[in-house]
């Protein structure tokens, strides 16, 4: 007998939305989407603004990543300016 023939895979709704692990006890409550904890205030810092001086030190791969992976972001503008310097049209 095949192992998969023991299971009924004909579900009326999606399994992945509620299934996290076979050992979880969901009869008590549904799992929380977000953990119930708070970060200390020292972890909430603002990142530094992008600068053209720093962009000159980035590798070409990093510049291309910043350009394509961060649309409508200041890092995309800085990366685009630096890429135009390195690779003129």
Protein backbone atom coordinates (compact mmCIF):
# COMPACT_ATOMS: atom_id res chain seq x y z
CA UNK A 1 0.00 0.00 0.00
CA UNK A 2 1.28 3.46 -0.93
CA UNK A 3 1.80 5.89 1.96
CA UNK A 4 -0.01 8.79 0.25
CA UNK A 5 -3.13 6.68 -0.25
CA UNK A 6 -3.69 6.86 3.53
CA UNK A 7 -4.32 10.61 3.41
CA UNK A 8 -7.34 12.43 2.06
CA UNK A 9 -6.09 15.41 0.04
CA UNK A 10 -9.53 16.58 -1.10
CA UNK A 11 -9.86 19.73 1.02
CA UNK A 12 -12.52 22.35 0.45
CA UNK A 13 -10.22 25.12 1.62
CA UNK A 14 -6.48 25.76 1.54
CA UNK A 15 -4.38 23.83 4.00
CA UNK A 16 -1.34 26.11 4.03
CA UNK A 17 -3.10 29.08 5.68
CA UNK A 18 -3.67 27.23 8.93
CA UNK A 19 -1.08 24.47 8.87
CA UNK A 20 2.22 25.31 10.55
CA UNK A 21 3.29 22.02 12.12
CA UNK A 22 1.63 18.68 12.88
CA UNK A 23 2.53 19.02 16.56
CA UNK A 24 0.77 22.35 17.17
CA UNK A 25 -2.40 22.31 19.23
CA UNK A 26 -4.84 24.45 17.26
CA UNK A 27 -7.88 23.34 19.19
CA UNK A 28 -7.10 25.97 21.85
CA UNK A 29 -6.63 28.97 19.55
CA UNK A 30 -5.40 29.92 16.13
CA UNK A 31 -1.69 30.78 15.89
CA UNK A 32 -0.88 34.49 15.92
CA UNK A 33 0.48 35.97 12.73
CA UNK A 34 2.79 38.24 14.69
CA UNK A 35 4.65 37.23 17.84
CA UNK A 36 3.47 38.87 21.03
CA UNK A 37 6.57 40.83 22.05
CA UNK A 38 7.84 44.39 21.91
CA UNK A 39 11.25 45.56 20.79
CA UNK A 40 13.22 47.86 23.08
CA UNK A 41 13.36 51.47 21.95
CA UNK A 42 17.09 51.23 21.22
CA UNK A 43 16.32 48.97 18.22
CA UNK A 44 14.10 51.60 16.59
CA UNK A 45 16.69 53.70 14.78
CA UNK A 46 16.39 55.57 11.51
CA UNK A 47 18.79 54.38 8.81
CA UNK A 48 21.23 56.94 7.46
CA UNK A 49 20.24 58.80 4.34
CA UNK A 50 21.88 57.55 1.14
CA UNK A 51 24.86 59.55 0.04
CA UNK A 52 26.76 59.74 -3.21
CA UNK A 53 30.04 59.42 -1.29
CA UNK A 54 29.08 56.00 0.02
CA UNK A 55 27.74 54.89 -3.35
CA UNK A 56 31.17 55.40 -4.90
CA UNK A 57 32.48 52.66 -2.59
CA UNK A 58 29.79 50.12 -3.56
CA UNK A 59 30.57 47.35 -6.01
CA UNK A 60 28.79 47.20 -9.36
CA UNK A 61 26.69 44.26 -8.13
CA UNK A 62 25.50 46.26 -5.11
CA UNK A 63 24.62 49.23 -7.29
CA UNK A 64 22.59 47.06 -9.67
CA UNK A 65 20.88 45.39 -6.72
CA UNK A 66 19.97 48.74 -5.17
CA UNK A 67 18.68 49.98 -8.52
CA UNK A 68 16.47 46.98 -9.33
CA UNK A 69 15.42 45.82 -5.85
CA UNK A 70 14.46 49.19 -4.35
CA UNK A 71 12.00 50.87 -6.72
CA UNK A 72 10.90 54.42 -5.84
CA UNK A 73 13.51 54.62 -3.10
CA UNK A 74 16.28 57.14 -2.50
CA UNK A 75 18.83 54.34 -2.81
CA UNK A 76 17.56 53.67 -6.33
CA UNK A 77 18.24 57.29 -7.29
CA UNK A 78 21.72 57.26 -5.80
CA UNK A 79 22.52 53.93 -7.46
CA UNK A 80 21.21 55.19 -10.81
CA UNK A 81 23.40 58.30 -10.64
CA UNK A 82 26.47 56.23 -9.80
CA UNK A 83 25.71 53.68 -12.52
CA UNK A 84 25.43 56.51 -15.06
CA UNK A 85 28.88 57.70 -14.02
CA UNK A 86 30.39 54.21 -14.34
CA UNK A 87 28.44 53.11 -17.41
CA UNK A 88 27.58 56.18 -19.51
CA UNK A 89 24.89 55.67 -22.16
